[in-house]
PDB file of N, CA and C in Angstrom:
ATOM      1  N   MET A   1     179.352 -67.611 103.558  1.00  0.00           N
ATOM      2  CA  MET A   1     179.360 -67.969 102.175  1.00  0.00           C
ATOM      3  C   MET A   1     178.611 -69.396 102.213  1.00  0.00           C
ATOM      4  N   SER A   2     177.788 -69.238 101.049  1.00  0.00           N
ATOM      5  CA  SER A   2     176.843 -70.739 101.014  1.00  0.00           C
ATOM      6  C   SER A   2     177.858 -71.682 100.330  1.00  0.00           C
ATOM      7  N   VAL A   3     177.736 -73.334 100.311  1.00  0.00           N
ATOM      8  CA  VAL A   3     178.236 -74.330  99.850  1.00  0.00           C
ATOM      9  C   VAL A   3     177.578 -74.714  98.651  1.00  0.00           C
ATOM     10  N   LYS A   4     178.361 -74.485  97.117  1.00  0.00           N
ATOM     11  CA  LYS A   4     177.682 -74.921  95.973  1.00  0.00           C
ATOM     12  C   LYS A   4     177.562 -76.366  95.848  1.00  0.00           C
ATOM     13  N   ASN A   5     176.282 -76.839  95.290  1.00  0.00           N
ATOM     14  CA  ASN A   5     176.532 -78.441  95.205  1.00  0.00           C
ATOM     15  C   ASN A   5     175.741 -78.657  93.849  1.00  0.00           C
ATOM     16  N   GLU A   6     176.792 -77.813  92.963  1.00  0.00           N
ATOM     17  CA  GLU A   6     176.422 -78.068  91.605  1.00  0.00           C
ATOM     18  C   GLU A   6     176.553 -79.293  91.044  1.00  0.00           C
ATOM     19  N   ALA A   7     176.131 -79.331  89.905  1.00  0.00           N
ATOM     20  CA  ALA A   7     176.495 -80.827  89.052  1.00  0.00           C
ATOM     21  C   ALA A   7     177.685 -81.488  89.007  1.00  0.00           C
ATOM     22  N   ALA A   8     177.890 -82.320  89.292  1.00  0.00           N
ATOM     23  CA  ALA A   8     179.505 -82.928  89.078  1.00  0.00           C
ATOM     24  C   ALA A   8     179.603 -83.716  87.676  1.00  0.00           C
ATOM     25  N   PHE A   9     178.588 -84.202  86.934  1.00  0.00           N
ATOM     26  CA  PHE A   9     178.828 -84.989  85.629  1.00  0.00           C
ATOM     27  C   PHE A   9     177.480 -84.087  84.715  1.00  0.00           C
ATOM     28  N   PRO A  10     177.278 -82.726  84.630  1.00  0.00           N
ATOM     29  CA  PRO A  10     175.781 -82.514  83.946  1.00  0.00           C
ATOM     30  C   PRO A  10     175.808 -83.070  82.466  1.00  0.00           C
ATOM     31  N   GLU A  11     174.658 -83.380  82.005  1.00  0.00           N
ATOM     32  CA  GLU A  11     174.375 -83.324  80.675  1.00  0.00           C
ATOM     33  C   GLU A  11     174.528 -82.111  79.847  1.00  0.00           C
ATOM     34  N   VAL A  12     175.268 -82.113  78.907  1.00  0.00           N
ATOM     35  CA  VAL A  12     175.668 -80.571  78.281  1.00  0.00           C
ATOM     36  C   VAL A  12     174.667 -80.457  76.799  1.00  0.00           C
ATOM     37  N   PHE A  13     174.061 -79.590  76.689  1.00  0.00           N
ATOM     38  CA  PHE A  13     173.172 -79.520  75.246  1.00  0.00           C
ATOM     39  C   PHE A  13     173.083 -78.122  74.997  1.00  0.00           C
ATOM     40  N   THR A  14     173.224 -78.253  73.308  1.00  0.00           N
ATOM     41  CA  THR A  14     173.406 -77.260  72.638  1.00  0.00           C
ATOM     42  C   THR A  14     171.936 -76.720  72.069  1.00  0.00           C
ATOM     43  N   ASP A  15     171.956 -75.734  71.305  1.00  0.00           N
ATOM     44  CA  ASP A  15     171.135 -75.093  70.690  1.00  0.00           C
ATOM     45  C   ASP A  15     171.538 -74.182  69.499  1.00  0.00           C
ATOM     46  N   TYR A  16     170.969 -74.256  68.320  1.00  0.00           N
ATOM     47  CA  TYR A  16     171.893 -73.441  66.961  1.00  0.00           C
ATOM     48  C   TYR A  16     170.550 -72.673  66.515  1.00  0.00           C
ATOM     49  N   TYR A  17     170.829 -71.511  66.599  1.00  0.00           N
ATOM     50  CA  TYR A  17     169.799 -70.743  66.245  1.00  0.00           C
ATOM     51  C   TYR A  17     170.198 -69.623  64.886  1.00  0.00           C
ATOM     52  N   GLU A  18     169.961 -70.259  63.693  1.00  0.00           N
ATOM     53  CA  GLU A  18     169.830 -69.881  62.106  1.00  0.00           C
ATOM     54  C   GLU A  18     170.166 -68.549  62.139  1.00  0.00           C
ATOM     55  N   ALA A  19     168.802 -67.754  62.198  1.00  0.00           N
ATOM     56  CA  ALA A  19     168.908 -66.358  62.560  1.00  0.00           C
ATOM     57  C   ALA A  19     170.144 -65.812  62.650  1.00  0.00           C
ATOM     58  N   THR A  20     170.477 -65.904  63.996  1.00  0.00           N
ATOM     59  CA  THR A  20     171.821 -65.325  64.224  1.00  0.00           C
ATOM     60  C   THR A  20     173.334 -66.023  64.408  1.00  0.00           C
ATOM     61  N   GLY A  21     172.986 -67.291  63.939  1.00  0.00           N
ATOM     62  CA  GLY A  21     174.250 -68.216  63.628  1.00  0.00           C
ATOM     63  C   GLY A  21     174.809 -68.714  64.902  1.00  0.00           C
ATOM     64  N   ARG A  22     174.464 -68.227  66.048  1.00  0.00           N
ATOM     65  CA  ARG A  22     174.872 -68.568  67.175  1.00  0.00           C
ATOM     66  C   ARG A  22     174.520 -69.846  68.184  1.00  0.00           C
ATOM     67  N   TYR A  23     175.300 -70.444  69.263  1.00  0.00           N
ATOM     68  CA  TYR A  23     175.037 -71.876  69.744  1.00  0.00           C
ATOM     69  C   TYR A  23     174.670 -71.290  71.223  1.00  0.00           C
ATOM     70  N   ASP A  24     173.561 -72.049  71.620  1.00  0.00           N
ATOM     71  CA  ASP A  24     173.198 -71.809  73.291  1.00  0.00           C
ATOM     72  C   ASP A  24     173.813 -72.758  73.475  1.00  0.00           C
ATOM     73  N   ILE A  25     175.242 -73.136  74.625  1.00  0.00           N
ATOM     74  CA  ILE A  25     175.429 -74.368  74.999  1.00  0.00           C
ATOM     75  C   ILE A  25     174.730 -74.098  76.821  1.00  0.00           C
ATOM     76  N   TYR A  26     174.428 -75.385  77.075  1.00  0.00           N
ATOM     77  CA  TYR A  26     174.004 -75.217  78.312  1.00  0.00           C
ATOM     78  C   TYR A  26     174.001 -76.708  79.296  1.00  0.00           C
ATOM     79  N   SER A  27     174.035 -76.804  80.601  1.00  0.00           N
ATOM     80  CA  SER A  27     173.938 -78.212  80.871  1.00  0.00           C
ATOM     81  C   SER A  27     172.897 -78.125  82.140  1.00  0.00           C
ATOM     82  N   ALA A  28     172.588 -79.477  82.395  1.00  0.00           N
ATOM     83  CA  ALA A  28     171.266 -79.612  83.145  1.00  0.00           C
ATOM     84  C   ALA A  28     171.456 -81.409  83.976  1.00  0.00           C
ATOM     85  N   GLY A  29     171.093 -81.087  84.905  1.00  0.00           N
ATOM     86  CA  GLY A  29     170.907 -82.664  85.473  1.00  0.00           C
ATOM     87  C   GLY A  29     172.269 -82.960  85.808  1.00  0.00           C
ATOM     88  N   GLY A  30     172.173 -84.306  86.052  1.00  0.00           N
ATOM     89  CA  GLY A  30     173.647 -85.035  86.768  1.00  0.00           C
ATOM     90  C   GLY A  30     173.837 -85.163  87.876  1.00  0.00           C
ATOM     91  N   MET A  31     174.430 -86.162  88.565  1.00  0.00           N
ATOM     92  CA  MET A  31     174.669 -86.265  89.963  1.00  0.00           C
ATOM     93  C   MET A  31     175.257 -85.013  90.563  1.00  0.00           C
ATOM     94  N   THR A  32     174.810 -85.188  91.998  1.00  0.00           N
ATOM     95  CA  THR A  32     175.606 -83.441  92.233  1.00  0.00           C
ATOM     96  C   THR A  32     176.920 -83.794  92.755  1.00  0.00           C
ATOM     97  N   LEU A  33     177.653 -82.955  93.228  1.00  0.00           N
ATOM     98  CA  LEU A  33     178.702 -82.628  93.239  1.00  0.00           C
ATOM     99  C   LEU A  33     179.042 -83.569  94.810  1.00  0.00           C
ATOM    100  N   ARG A  34     177.773 -83.221  95.780  1.00  0.00           N
ATOM    101  CA  ARG A  34     178.049 -83.970  97.318  1.00  0.00           C
ATOM    102  C   ARG A  34     177.732 -85.397  96.932  1.00  0.00           C
ATOM    103  N   GLN A  35     176.851 -86.025  95.696  1.00  0.00           N
ATOM    104  CA  GLN A  35     176.837 -87.246  95.986  1.00  0.00           C
ATOM    105  C   GLN A  35     177.944 -87.894  95.118  1.00  0.00           C
ATOM    106  N   TRP A  36     178.717 -87.244  94.530  1.00  0.00           N
ATOM    107  CA  TRP A  36     179.654 -87.786  93.698  1.00  0.00           C
ATOM    108  C   TRP A  36     181.116 -87.857  95.163  1.00  0.00           C
ATOM    109  N   TYR A  37     181.155 -86.920  95.943  1.00  0.00           N
ATOM    110  CA  TYR A  37     181.819 -87.021  96.984  1.00  0.00           C
ATOM    111  C   TYR A  37     181.566 -88.219  97.902  1.00  0.00           C
ATOM    112  N   LYS A  38     180.380 -88.086  98.253  1.00  0.00           N
ATOM    113  CA  LYS A  38     179.551 -89.237  99.141  1.00  0.00           C
ATOM    114  C   LYS A  38     180.169 -90.952  98.522  1.00  0.00           C
ATOM    115  N   GLY A  39     179.853 -90.799  97.528  1.00  0.00           N
ATOM    116  CA  GLY A  39     180.587 -92.284  96.722  1.00  0.00           C
ATOM    117  C   GLY A  39     181.892 -92.415  96.596  1.00  0.00           C
ATOM    118  N   GLN A  40     182.619 -91.074  96.599  1.00  0.00           N
ATOM    119  CA  GLN A  40     184.543 -91.570  96.865  1.00  0.00           C
ATOM    120  C   GLN A  40     184.510 -92.037  98.045  1.00  0.00           C
ATOM    121  N   ALA A  41     183.823 -90.972  99.268  1.00  0.00           N
ATOM    122  CA  ALA A  41     184.195 -91.509 100.485  1.00  0.00           C
ATOM    123  C   ALA A  41     183.973 -92.799 100.467  1.00  0.00           C
ATOM    124  N   ILE A  42     182.333 -93.294 100.237  1.00  0.00           N
ATOM    125  CA  ILE A  42     181.839 -94.611 100.850  1.00  0.00           C
ATOM    126  C   ILE A  42     182.963 -95.820  99.859  1.00  0.00           C
ATOM    127  N   LYS A  43     183.522 -95.262  98.778  1.00  0.00           N
ATOM    128  CA  LYS A  43     184.801 -96.256  98.315  1.00  0.00           C
ATOM    129  C   LYS A  43     185.980 -96.114  99.353  1.00  0.00           C
ATOM    130  N   GLY A  44     186.628 -95.374  99.351  1.00  0.00           N
ATOM    131  CA  GLY A  44     187.541 -95.140 100.653  1.00  0.00           C
ATOM    132  C   GLY A  44     187.493 -95.683 101.854  1.00  0.00           C
ATOM    133  N   LEU A  45     186.027 -95.388 102.404  1.00  0.00           N
ATOM    134  CA  LEU A  45     186.018 -96.261 103.611  1.00  0.00           C
ATOM    135  C   LEU A  45     185.607 -97.629 103.704  1.00  0.00           C
ATOM    136  N   LEU A  46     185.408 -98.064 102.471  1.00  0.00           N
ATOM    137  CA  LEU A  46     185.019 -99.524 102.499  1.00  0.00           C
ATOM    138  C   LEU A  46     186.236-100.340 102.016  1.00  0.00           C
ATOM    139  N   GLY A  47     187.095 -99.377 101.338  1.00  0.00           N
ATOM    140  CA  GLY A  47     188.291-100.106 100.931  1.00  0.00           C
ATOM    141  C   GLY A  47     189.572-100.060 101.883  1.00  0.00           C
ATOM    142  N   ASN A  48     189.364 -99.579 102.986  1.00  0.00           N
ATOM    143  CA  ASN A  48     190.372 -98.909 104.125  1.00  0.00           C
ATOM    144  C   ASN A  48     190.672-100.281 104.840  1.00  0.00           C
ATOM    145  N   PRO A  49     191.023-101.390 104.802  1.00  0.00           N
ATOM    146  CA  PRO A  49     190.687-102.648 105.671  1.00  0.00           C
ATOM    147  C   PRO A  49     191.404-101.986 107.673  1.00  0.00           C
ATOM    148  N   GLY A  50     191.664-100.740 107.629  1.00  0.00           N
ATOM    149  CA  GLY A  50     192.200-100.428 109.016  1.00  0.00           C
ATOM    150  C   GLY A  50     191.126 -99.804 109.446  1.00  0.00           C
ATOM    151  N   GLY A  51     190.177 -99.330 108.223  1.00  0.00           N
ATOM    152  CA  GLY A  51     189.480 -98.434 108.757  1.00  0.00           C
ATOM    153  C   GLY A  51     188.140 -98.723 109.519  1.00  0.00           C
ATOM    154  N   PRO A  52     186.961 -98.477 109.363  1.00  0.00           N
ATOM    155  CA  PRO A  52     186.085 -98.863 110.191  1.00  0.00           C
ATOM    156  C   PRO A  52     185.021 -99.981 109.440  1.00  0.00           C
ATOM    157  N   ILE A  53     185.547-100.730 108.649  1.00  0.00           N
ATOM    158  CA  ILE A  53     185.416-102.111 107.948  1.00  0.00           C
ATOM    159  C   ILE A  53     186.581-102.698 108.421  1.00  0.00           C
ATOM    160  N   GLN A  54     186.571-103.446 109.097  1.00  0.00           N
ATOM    161  CA  GLN A  54     187.969-104.076 109.511  1.00  0.00           C
ATOM    162  C   GLN A  54     188.131-105.408 108.434  1.00  0.00           C
ATOM    163  N   ALA A  55     189.475-105.752 108.184  1.00  0.00           N
ATOM    164  CA  ALA A  55     190.062-106.803 107.238  1.00  0.00           C
ATOM    165  C   ALA A  55     189.510-108.538 108.571  1.00  0.00           C
ATOM    166  N   ASN A  56     189.073-109.381 107.748  1.00  0.00           N
ATOM    167  CA  ASN A  56     188.657-110.370 108.650  1.00  0.00           C
ATOM    168  C   ASN A  56     188.501-111.498 107.758  1.00  0.00           C
ATOM    169  N   ASP A  57     188.588-112.518 108.025  1.00  0.00           N
ATOM    170  CA  ASP A  57     188.047-113.603 107.077  1.00  0.00           C
ATOM    171  C   ASP A  57     186.785-113.798 106.573  1.00  0.00           C
ATOM    172  N   LYS A  58     186.060-113.250 107.593  1.00  0.00           N
ATOM    173  CA  LYS A  58     184.503-113.166 107.611  1.00  0.00           C
ATOM    174  C   LYS A  58     183.740-112.393 106.640  1.00  0.00           C
ATOM    175  N   SER A  59     182.495-112.373 106.321  1.00  0.00           N
ATOM    176  CA  SER A  59     181.759-111.679 105.127  1.00  0.00           C
ATOM    177  C   SER A  59     180.774-110.946 105.950  1.00  0.00           C
ATOM    178  N   GLY A  60     179.947-110.439 105.357  1.00  0.00           N
ATOM    179  CA  GLY A  60     178.676-109.652 106.026  1.00  0.00           C
ATOM    180  C   GLY A  60     178.805-108.567 106.516  1.00  0.00           C
ATOM    181  N   TRP A  61     177.906-108.062 106.959  1.00  0.00           N
ATOM    182  CA  TRP A  61     177.843-106.401 107.801  1.00  0.00           C
ATOM    183  C   TRP A  61     178.150-106.977 109.346  1.00  0.00           C
ATOM    184  N   GLY A  62     177.704-108.239 109.554  1.00  0.00           N
ATOM    185  CA  GLY A  62     177.605-108.367 111.019  1.00  0.00           C
ATOM    186  C   GLY A  62     178.736-108.556 111.478  1.00  0.00           C
ATOM    187  N   TYR A  63     180.393-108.747 110.672  1.00  0.00           N
ATOM    188  CA  TYR A  63     181.388-108.841 111.515  1.00  0.00           C
ATOM    189  C   TYR A  63     182.588-107.684 111.251  1.00  0.00           C
ATOM    190  N   CYS A  64     181.638-106.542 111.040  1.00  0.00           N
ATOM    191  CA  CYS A  64     182.217-105.160 110.447  1.00  0.00           C
ATOM    192  C   CYS A  64     182.218-104.480 112.326  1.00  0.00           C
ATOM    193  N   ALA A  65     182.788-103.657 111.724  1.00  0.00           N
ATOM    194  CA  ALA A  65     183.282-102.770 113.160  1.00  0.00           C
ATOM    195  C   ALA A  65     182.429-101.473 113.063  1.00  0.00           C
ATOM    196  N   CYS A  66     181.669-101.779 112.452  1.00  0.00           N
ATOM    197  CA  CYS A  66     180.423-100.390 112.321  1.00  0.00           C
ATOM    198  C   CYS A  66     179.042-100.665 111.512  1.00  0.00           C
ATOM    199  N   THR A  67     177.849-100.210 111.286  1.00  0.00           N
ATOM    200  CA  THR A  67     176.806-100.338 110.719  1.00  0.00           C
ATOM    201  C   THR A  67     176.529 -99.583 109.444  1.00  0.00           C
ATOM    202  N   ARG A  68     175.905-100.289 108.668  1.00  0.00           N
ATOM    203  CA  ARG A  68     175.437 -99.437 107.276  1.00  0.00           C
ATOM    204  C   ARG A  68     175.560 -97.938 107.448  1.00  0.00           C
ATOM    205  N   ARG A  69     174.638 -97.807 108.480  1.00  0.00           N
ATOM    206  CA  ARG A  69     174.105 -96.259 108.524  1.00  0.00           C
ATOM    207  C   ARG A  69     175.341 -94.979 109.192  1.00  0.00           C
ATOM    208  N   GLU A  70     176.098 -95.896 109.786  1.00  0.00           N
ATOM    209  CA  GLU A  70     177.405 -95.360 110.138  1.00  0.00           C
ATOM    210  C   GLU A  70     178.422 -94.776 109.051  1.00  0.00           C
ATOM    211  N   VAL A  71     178.357 -96.149 108.072  1.00  0.00           N
ATOM    212  CA  VAL A  71     179.446 -95.773 107.252  1.00  0.00           C
ATOM    213  C   VAL A  71     178.793 -94.519 106.016  1.00  0.00           C
ATOM    214  N   VAL A  72     177.377 -94.459 106.020  1.00  0.00           N
ATOM    215  CA  VAL A  72     176.841 -93.330 105.311  1.00  0.00           C
ATOM    216  C   VAL A  72     176.954 -92.127 105.921  1.00  0.00           C
ATOM    217  N   ASP A  73     176.586 -92.111 107.201  1.00  0.00           N
ATOM    218  CA  ASP A  73     176.807 -90.713 108.190  1.00  0.00           C
ATOM    219  C   ASP A  73     178.292 -90.197 107.924  1.00  0.00           C
ATOM    220  N   GLU A  74     179.043 -90.969 107.761  1.00  0.00           N
ATOM    221  CA  GLU A  74     180.743 -90.553 107.749  1.00  0.00           C
ATOM    222  C   GLU A  74     180.936 -90.122 106.436  1.00  0.00           C
ATOM    223  N   ALA A  75     180.466 -90.854 105.325  1.00  0.00           N
ATOM    224  CA  ALA A  75     180.318 -90.204 103.960  1.00  0.00           C
ATOM    225  C   ALA A  75     180.057 -89.016 103.785  1.00  0.00           C
ATOM    226  N   SER A  76     178.821 -88.818 104.214  1.00  0.00           N
ATOM    227  CA  SER A  76     178.026 -87.383 104.136  1.00  0.00           C
ATOM    228  C   SER A  76     178.639 -86.533 105.011  1.00  0.00           C
ATOM    229  N   LEU A  77     179.075 -86.711 106.165  1.00  0.00           N
ATOM    230  CA  LEU A  77     180.088 -85.639 106.908  1.00  0.00           C
ATOM    231  C   LEU A  77     181.498 -85.376 105.989  1.00  0.00           C
ATOM    232  N   ILE A  78     181.782 -86.318 105.116  1.00  0.00           N
ATOM    233  CA  ILE A  78     182.927 -86.099 104.520  1.00  0.00           C
ATOM    234  C   ILE A  78     182.537 -85.305 103.392  1.00  0.00           C
ATOM    235  N   ALA A  79     181.855 -85.504 102.536  1.00  0.00           N
ATOM    236  CA  ALA A  79     180.928 -84.561 101.520  1.00  0.00           C
ATOM    237  C   ALA A  79     180.795 -83.216 101.997  1.00  0.00           C
ATOM    238  N   ASP A  80     180.092 -83.107 102.844  1.00  0.00           N
ATOM    239  CA  ASP A  80     180.243 -81.780 103.312  1.00  0.00           C
ATOM    240  C   ASP A  80     181.373 -81.005 103.549  1.00  0.00           C
ATOM    241  N   ILE A  81     182.270 -81.389 104.434  1.00  0.00           N
ATOM    242  CA  ILE A  81     183.334 -81.011 104.760  1.00  0.00           C
ATOM    243  C   ILE A  81     184.430 -80.352 103.164  1.00  0.00           C
ATOM    244  N   LEU A  82     183.988 -81.577 102.531  1.00  0.00           N
ATOM    245  CA  LEU A  82     184.879 -81.295 100.807  1.00  0.00           C
ATOM    246  C   LEU A  82     184.053 -80.219 100.172  1.00  0.00           C
ATOM    247  N   LEU A  83     182.937 -80.033 100.316  1.00  0.00           N
ATOM    248  CA  LEU A  83     181.994 -78.833  99.579  1.00  0.00           C
ATOM    249  C   LEU A  83     182.329 -77.497 100.394  1.00  0.00           C
ATOM    250  N   ALA A  84     182.503 -77.637 102.179  1.00  0.00           N
ATOM    251  CA  ALA A  84     183.014 -76.266 102.741  1.00  0.00           C
ATOM    252  C   ALA A  84     184.497 -75.907 102.395  1.00  0.00           C
ATOM    253  N   GLU A  85     185.117 -76.723 101.976  1.00  0.00           N
ATOM    254  CA  GLU A  85     186.748 -76.539 101.885  1.00  0.00           C
ATOM    255  C   GLU A  85     186.634 -76.047 100.159  1.00  0.00           C
ATOM    256  N   ASP A  86     185.894 -76.704  99.473  1.00  0.00           N
ATOM    257  CA  ASP A  86     185.800 -75.901  98.346  1.00  0.00           C
ATOM    258  C   ASP A  86     185.723 -74.466  97.783  1.00  0.00           C
ATOM    259  N   ALA A  87     184.575 -74.434  99.174  1.00  0.00           N
ATOM    260  CA  ALA A  87     183.994 -72.615  98.802  1.00  0.00           C
ATOM    261  C   ALA A  87     184.408 -71.871  99.387  1.00  0.00           C
ATOM    262  N   LYS A  88     185.488 -72.580 100.580  1.00  0.00           N
ATOM    263  CA  LYS A  88     186.897 -71.458 100.834  1.00  0.00           C
ATOM    264  C   LYS A  88     188.172 -71.215  99.970  1.00  0.00           C
ATOM    265  N   PHE A  89     188.151 -72.495  99.503  1.00  0.00           N
ATOM    266  CA  PHE A  89     189.101 -72.298  98.016  1.00  0.00           C
ATOM    267  C   PHE A  89     188.655 -71.679  96.964  1.00  0.00           C
ATOM    268  N   ALA A  90     187.475 -71.654  96.624  1.00  0.00           N
ATOM    269  CA  ALA A  90     187.058 -70.641  95.615  1.00  0.00           C
ATOM    270  C   ALA A  90     186.805 -69.363  96.324  1.00  0.00           C
ATOM    271  N   ALA A  91     186.647 -68.686  97.380  1.00  0.00           N
ATOM    272  CA  ALA A  91     186.719 -67.318  97.972  1.00  0.00           C
ATOM    273  C   ALA A  91     187.884 -66.950  97.855  1.00  0.00           C
ATOM    274  N   ARG A  92     188.968 -67.510  98.328  1.00  0.00           N
ATOM    275  CA  ARG A  92     190.601 -67.031  98.379  1.00  0.00           C
ATOM    276  C   ARG A  92     190.576 -67.020  96.711  1.00  0.00           C
ATOM    277  N   GLU A  93     190.358 -67.619  95.864  1.00  0.00           N
ATOM    278  CA  GLU A  93     190.732 -67.790  94.201  1.00  0.00           C
ATOM    279  C   GLU A  93     189.817 -66.178  94.073  1.00  0.00           C
ATOM    280  N   ALA A  94     189.184 -66.104  94.590  1.00  0.00           N
ATOM    281  CA  ALA A  94     188.169 -64.979  93.499  1.00  0.00           C
ATOM    282  C   ALA A  94     188.847 -63.607  94.278  1.00  0.00           C
ATOM    283  N   LYS A  95     189.375 -63.637  95.354  1.00  0.00           N
ATOM    284  CA  LYS A  95     190.262 -62.363  95.713  1.00  0.00           C
ATOM    285  C   LYS A  95     191.200 -62.208  95.127  1.00  0.00           C
ATOM    286  N   HIS A  96     191.856 -62.837  94.462  1.00  0.00           N
ATOM    287  CA  HIS A  96     193.248 -62.831  94.028  1.00  0.00           C
ATOM    288  C   HIS A  96     193.054 -62.510  92.518  1.00  0.00           C
ATOM    289  N   GLU A  97     191.649 -62.812  91.728  1.00  0.00           N
ATOM    290  CA  GLU A  97     191.043 -62.320  90.288  1.00  0.00           C
ATOM    291  C   GLU A  97     191.590 -60.849  90.210  1.00  0.00           C
TER     292      GLU A  97
END
């Protein structure tokens, strides 16, 4: 099963056709779901004093228990796991429809 990385917050557009009196509604662009998941993971990692960013009275990356790259790599891994779990859930839901 492929993992979907659709837009999390797409811009919505509408077109009105006078001849038919119908609207077409479509979306495009926006942040991808993976990008949004990554941002949420980074917020969690940076906001957890017991996690990779250890709480102390210092400031700056030199006083952390990890590097910037490690935070980004971990957030990417979390985002990919979330997308894979979303795909599994969607497959289970589709079987029950």
